[in-house]
Amino acid sequence: MKHSVSRTTLERDGIRAAVRNAGHGSLLRSDAELEHSLSESLAQRNCEGPVWVFGYGSLIWNPLMRFAERRLAKVRGYHRGFYLWSKINRGSPERPGLVLALDRGGSCGGVAYRLHADHVAEEFKLLWRREMIAAAYLPRWVDAHTDSGVVKALTFVIDRNTPGYTGRLSDEDIVATAIGAHGHYGSCADYLLQTATSLEQHGISDQRMRRLARLLLARRHRHA
């Protein structure tokens, strides 16, 4: 599957430029806001050693980061869900889509990436251009449990105070929203299916993602 967001796009800050050119610049954080958020998150890291990033959605199947190592990992205290309306990445202001976020409670399986020590600043800059261009996520350092031990990893948690927070939607509402929603990163339906497929390929159990993928494919088949 072709990804509409690439490392080159992020290096050129192409997504934010495209959003501005489409007349939706008000959805974006300013350069100063992005830089402040990034600096603040790095300053909040209270441990020594390698820097890790925990991915639970598209970072699993399209990481774009230059990393030294990756491990399957589980984060406790948060779970994965479609908790964020997307007017940029997987939808538009006219027809919002949905993207995944971590919300409180439960646990979440994903992939932890260890960054090269001398590339952390560069990789985080691109990561912020990908995940933090709108005020929706809260960067958090969490304990990611791997077969080789616990690592401190940065991940992105939903800000429940953002207007884009969905609360808990039904499976039917999620699938109905995903069908037909497209954004600068591609279609919402493909995002859902690719994430579900990637979780299966990595041996990460997520019954709801499996169920959503089945419902979406069944709906596509009925309307083919």
Protein backbone atom coordinates (compact mmCIF):
# COMPACT_ATOMS: atom_id res chain seq x y z
CA MET A 1 0.00 0.00 0.00
CA LYS A 2 1.35 3.42 -0.96
CA HIS A 3 1.77 5.89 1.87
CA SER A 4 1.01 9.52 1.04
CA VAL A 5 3.25 10.72 3.87
CA SER A 6 6.96 10.08 3.44
CA ARG A 7 10.14 11.03 5.22
CA THR A 8 10.92 13.48 2.41
CA THR A 9 7.52 15.12 2.91
CA LEU A 10 8.26 15.59 6.60
CA GLU A 11 11.78 16.89 5.96
CA ARG A 12 10.29 19.53 3.65
CA ASP A 13 7.48 20.25 6.12
CA GLY A 14 5.19 19.44 3.22
CA ILE A 15 2.07 18.51 5.17
CA ARG A 16 1.83 21.82 6.96
CA ALA A 17 2.50 23.66 3.70
CA ALA A 18 -0.29 21.72 1.98
CA VAL A 19 -2.73 22.46 4.80
CA ARG A 20 -1.93 26.17 4.61
CA ASN A 21 -2.29 26.16 0.82
CA ALA A 22 -5.72 24.56 1.21
CA GLY A 23 -6.79 27.51 3.37
CA HIS A 24 -6.85 25.58 6.64
CA GLY A 25 -3.81 27.06 8.36
CA SER A 26 -5.87 27.88 11.44
CA LEU A 27 -5.89 24.15 12.28
CA LEU A 28 -2.12 24.14 12.71
CA ARG A 29 0.17 24.90 15.59
CA SER A 30 2.67 27.67 14.91
CA ASP A 31 6.39 27.02 14.49
CA ALA A 32 6.98 28.49 17.94
CA GLU A 33 4.33 26.26 19.52
CA LEU A 34 5.81 23.15 17.90
CA GLU A 35 9.32 24.06 19.03
CA HIS A 36 8.18 24.78 22.58
CA SER A 37 6.29 21.48 22.81
CA LEU A 38 9.27 19.54 21.48
CA SER A 39 11.77 21.21 23.82
CA GLU A 40 9.46 20.75 26.79
CA SER A 41 8.99 17.04 26.08
CA LEU A 42 12.72 16.39 25.79
CA ALA A 43 13.29 18.28 29.05
CA GLN A 44 10.70 16.12 30.82
CA ARG A 45 12.63 12.93 30.11
CA ASN A 46 13.93 11.99 33.55
CA CYS A 47 16.19 9.06 32.78
CA GLU A 48 19.55 8.30 31.21
CA GLY A 49 20.25 5.93 28.37
CA PRO A 50 18.75 5.36 24.92
CA VAL A 51 15.73 7.29 23.67
CA TRP A 52 12.75 5.18 22.61
CA VAL A 53 9.48 5.94 20.83
CA PHE A 54 6.36 3.77 21.31
CA GLY A 55 4.14 3.39 18.25
CA TYR A 56 0.61 1.99 18.37
CA GLY A 57 -0.90 2.98 14.99
CA SER A 58 0.71 4.03 11.73
CA LEU A 59 4.12 4.25 13.42
CA ILE A 60 4.03 0.44 13.44
CA TRP A 61 3.65 0.03 9.68
CA ASN A 62 5.12 3.30 8.41
CA PRO A 63 7.58 4.49 11.07
CA LEU A 64 9.66 6.78 8.81
CA MET A 65 12.16 7.13 11.67
CA ARG A 66 15.78 6.08 11.38
CA PHE A 67 16.04 3.75 14.33
CA ALA A 68 18.72 1.50 15.76
CA GLU A 69 16.42 -1.21 17.16
CA ARG A 70 12.77 -2.10 17.48
CA ARG A 71 10.98 -4.38 19.91
CA LEU A 72 7.44 -5.49 20.52
CA ALA A 73 6.24 -3.68 23.63
CA LYS A 74 3.25 -3.19 25.89
CA VAL A 75 2.26 -0.01 27.70
CA ARG A 76 0.04 -0.29 30.78
CA GLY A 77 -2.48 2.30 31.87
CA TYR A 78 -3.52 3.27 28.35
CA HIS A 79 -5.42 1.61 25.53
CA ARG A 80 -5.65 2.20 21.79
CA GLY A 81 -8.84 3.57 20.22
CA PHE A 82 -10.30 5.91 17.61
CA TYR A 83 -10.57 8.88 19.93
CA LEU A 84 -9.56 11.74 17.66
CA TRP A 85 -11.43 13.45 14.83
CA SER A 86 -9.03 14.05 11.96
CA LYS A 87 -9.43 17.14 9.77
CA ILE A 88 -5.91 16.94 8.35
CA ASN A 89 -4.34 13.47 8.33
CA ARG A 90 -7.24 11.14 7.51
CA GLY A 91 -10.10 13.53 6.88
CA SER A 92 -10.94 17.12 6.03
CA PRO A 93 -12.75 19.99 7.74
CA GLU A 94 -15.73 19.20 5.50
CA ARG A 95 -15.65 15.46 6.22
CA PRO A 96 -13.58 14.57 9.28
CA GLY A 97 -12.10 11.14 9.60
CA LEU A 98 -10.72 9.38 12.67
CA VAL A 99 -7.26 8.49 13.90
CA LEU A 100 -6.01 6.43 16.79
CA ALA A 101 -4.92 7.77 20.15
CA LEU A 102 -4.11 6.37 23.56
CA ASP A 103 -6.69 7.00 26.26
CA ARG A 104 -6.70 6.15 29.95
CA GLY A 105 -7.18 2.59 31.18
CA GLY A 106 -6.20 -0.91 30.13
CA SER A 107 -3.06 -1.68 28.17
CA CYS A 108 -1.79 -1.38 24.62
CA GLY A 109 0.53 -3.53 22.53
CA GLY A 110 2.73 -1.86 19.95
CA VAL A 111 6.31 -1.39 18.80
CA ALA A 112 9.11 0.46 20.60
CA TYR A 113 11.86 2.05 18.51
CA ARG A 114 15.29 2.89 19.88
CA LEU A 115 16.74 5.95 18.17
CA HIS A 116 20.39 6.49 17.35
CA ALA A 117 21.77 8.79 20.04
CA ASP A 118 23.13 11.31 17.55
CA HIS A 119 19.87 11.44 15.56
CA VAL A 120 17.40 12.12 18.39
CA ALA A 121 16.97 15.84 17.69
CA GLU A 122 16.44 15.28 13.97
CA GLU A 123 14.03 12.38 14.41
CA PHE A 124 11.95 14.16 17.05
CA LYS A 125 11.65 17.23 14.82
CA LEU A 126 10.17 15.06 12.06
CA LEU A 127 8.02 13.16 14.56
CA TRP A 128 6.54 16.45 15.78
CA ARG A 129 5.79 17.52 12.20
CA ARG A 130 3.94 14.24 11.78
CA GLU A 131 2.05 13.85 15.05
CA MET A 132 1.90 17.25 16.73
CA ILE A 133 0.93 19.73 14.01
CA ALA A 134 -2.51 20.19 15.61
CA ALA A 135 -3.30 20.57 19.30
CA ALA A 136 -4.69 17.10 19.94
CA TYR A 137 -2.02 14.83 21.44
CA LEU A 138 -0.09 15.08 24.69
CA PRO A 139 3.47 13.70 24.46
CA ARG A 140 4.14 11.40 27.40
CA TRP A 141 7.10 9.34 28.59
CA VAL A 142 5.81 5.89 29.53
CA ASP A 143 7.20 2.54 30.63
CA ALA A 144 7.19 0.21 27.63
CA HIS A 145 7.48 -3.43 28.67
CA THR A 146 9.51 -5.59 26.27
CA ASP A 147 10.87 -9.13 26.41
CA SER A 148 14.29 -7.62 27.13
CA GLY A 149 13.11 -5.34 29.91
CA VAL A 150 11.32 -2.06 30.52
CA VAL A 151 12.32 0.99 28.49
CA LYS A 152 11.24 4.61 28.89
CA ALA A 153 9.54 5.61 25.63
CA LEU A 154 7.81 8.66 24.27
CA THR A 155 4.27 8.20 22.99
CA PHE A 156 1.20 10.30 22.20
CA VAL A 157 -1.88 10.36 24.44
CA ILE A 158 -5.20 12.02 23.61
CA ASP A 159 -5.82 15.43 25.13
CA ARG A 160 -9.37 15.04 26.43
CA ASN A 161 -9.73 18.82 26.42
CA THR A 162 -9.20 19.12 22.68
CA PRO A 163 -12.34 19.78 20.58
CA GLY A 164 -11.26 16.80 18.48
CA TYR A 165 -11.74 14.29 21.30
CA THR A 166 -14.53 11.91 20.27
CA GLY A 167 -15.27 10.09 23.50
CA ARG A 168 -16.19 6.46 22.97
CA LEU A 169 -17.80 5.82 19.58
CA SER A 170 -19.62 2.65 18.57
CA ASP A 171 -18.05 0.26 16.07
CA GLU A 172 -20.73 1.21 13.55
CA ASP A 173 -20.02 4.92 13.92
CA ILE A 174 -16.28 4.38 13.47
CA VAL A 175 -16.73 2.35 10.30
CA ALA A 176 -19.32 4.74 8.87
CA THR A 177 -16.92 7.63 9.46
CA ALA A 178 -13.93 5.80 8.00
CA ILE A 179 -15.73 5.02 4.75
CA GLY A 180 -15.17 7.95 2.42
CA ALA A 181 -12.97 10.12 4.67
CA HIS A 182 -9.68 11.20 3.10
CA GLY A 183 -6.91 13.51 4.27
CA HIS A 184 -3.33 14.52 3.53
CA TYR A 185 -2.03 11.16 4.80
CA GLY A 186 -4.53 9.08 2.81
CA SER A 187 -7.90 7.47 3.45
CA CYS A 188 -9.27 6.74 6.90
CA ALA A 189 -10.45 3.29 5.80
CA ASP A 190 -6.98 2.29 4.59
CA TYR A 191 -5.49 3.56 7.85
CA LEU A 192 -7.86 1.36 9.86
CA LEU A 193 -7.25 -1.72 7.70
CA GLN A 194 -3.48 -1.28 7.52
CA THR A 195 -3.23 -0.89 11.28
CA ALA A 196 -5.36 -3.98 11.91
CA THR A 197 -3.29 -5.99 9.42
CA SER A 198 0.00 -4.81 10.88
CA LEU A 199 -1.06 -5.69 14.42
CA GLU A 200 -1.91 -9.22 13.25
CA GLN A 201 1.43 -9.53 11.43
CA HIS A 202 3.30 -8.53 14.57
CA GLY A 203 1.32 -10.93 16.74
CA ILE A 204 -0.26 -8.08 18.72
CA SER A 205 -3.75 -8.97 19.92
CA ASP A 206 -6.41 -6.27 19.55
CA GLN A 207 -9.87 -7.74 19.26
CA ARG A 208 -11.59 -4.44 18.60
CA MET A 209 -9.28 -3.52 15.72
CA ARG A 210 -9.92 -6.96 14.22
CA ARG A 211 -13.66 -6.48 14.59
CA LEU A 212 -13.57 -3.01 13.04
CA ALA A 213 -11.60 -4.31 10.06
CA ARG A 214 -14.12 -7.12 9.50
CA LEU A 215 -17.04 -4.68 9.69
CA LEU A 216 -15.41 -2.27 7.27
CA LEU A 217 -14.60 -5.00 4.74
CA ALA A 218 -18.13 -6.39 5.01
CA ARG A 219 -19.60 -2.95 4.39
CA ARG A 220 -17.34 -2.45 1.38
CA HIS A 221 -18.42 -5.82 0.01
CA ARG A 222 -22.12 -4.99 0.43
CA HIS A 223 -21.71 -1.73 -1.46
CA ALA A 224 -19.37 -3.05 -4.17
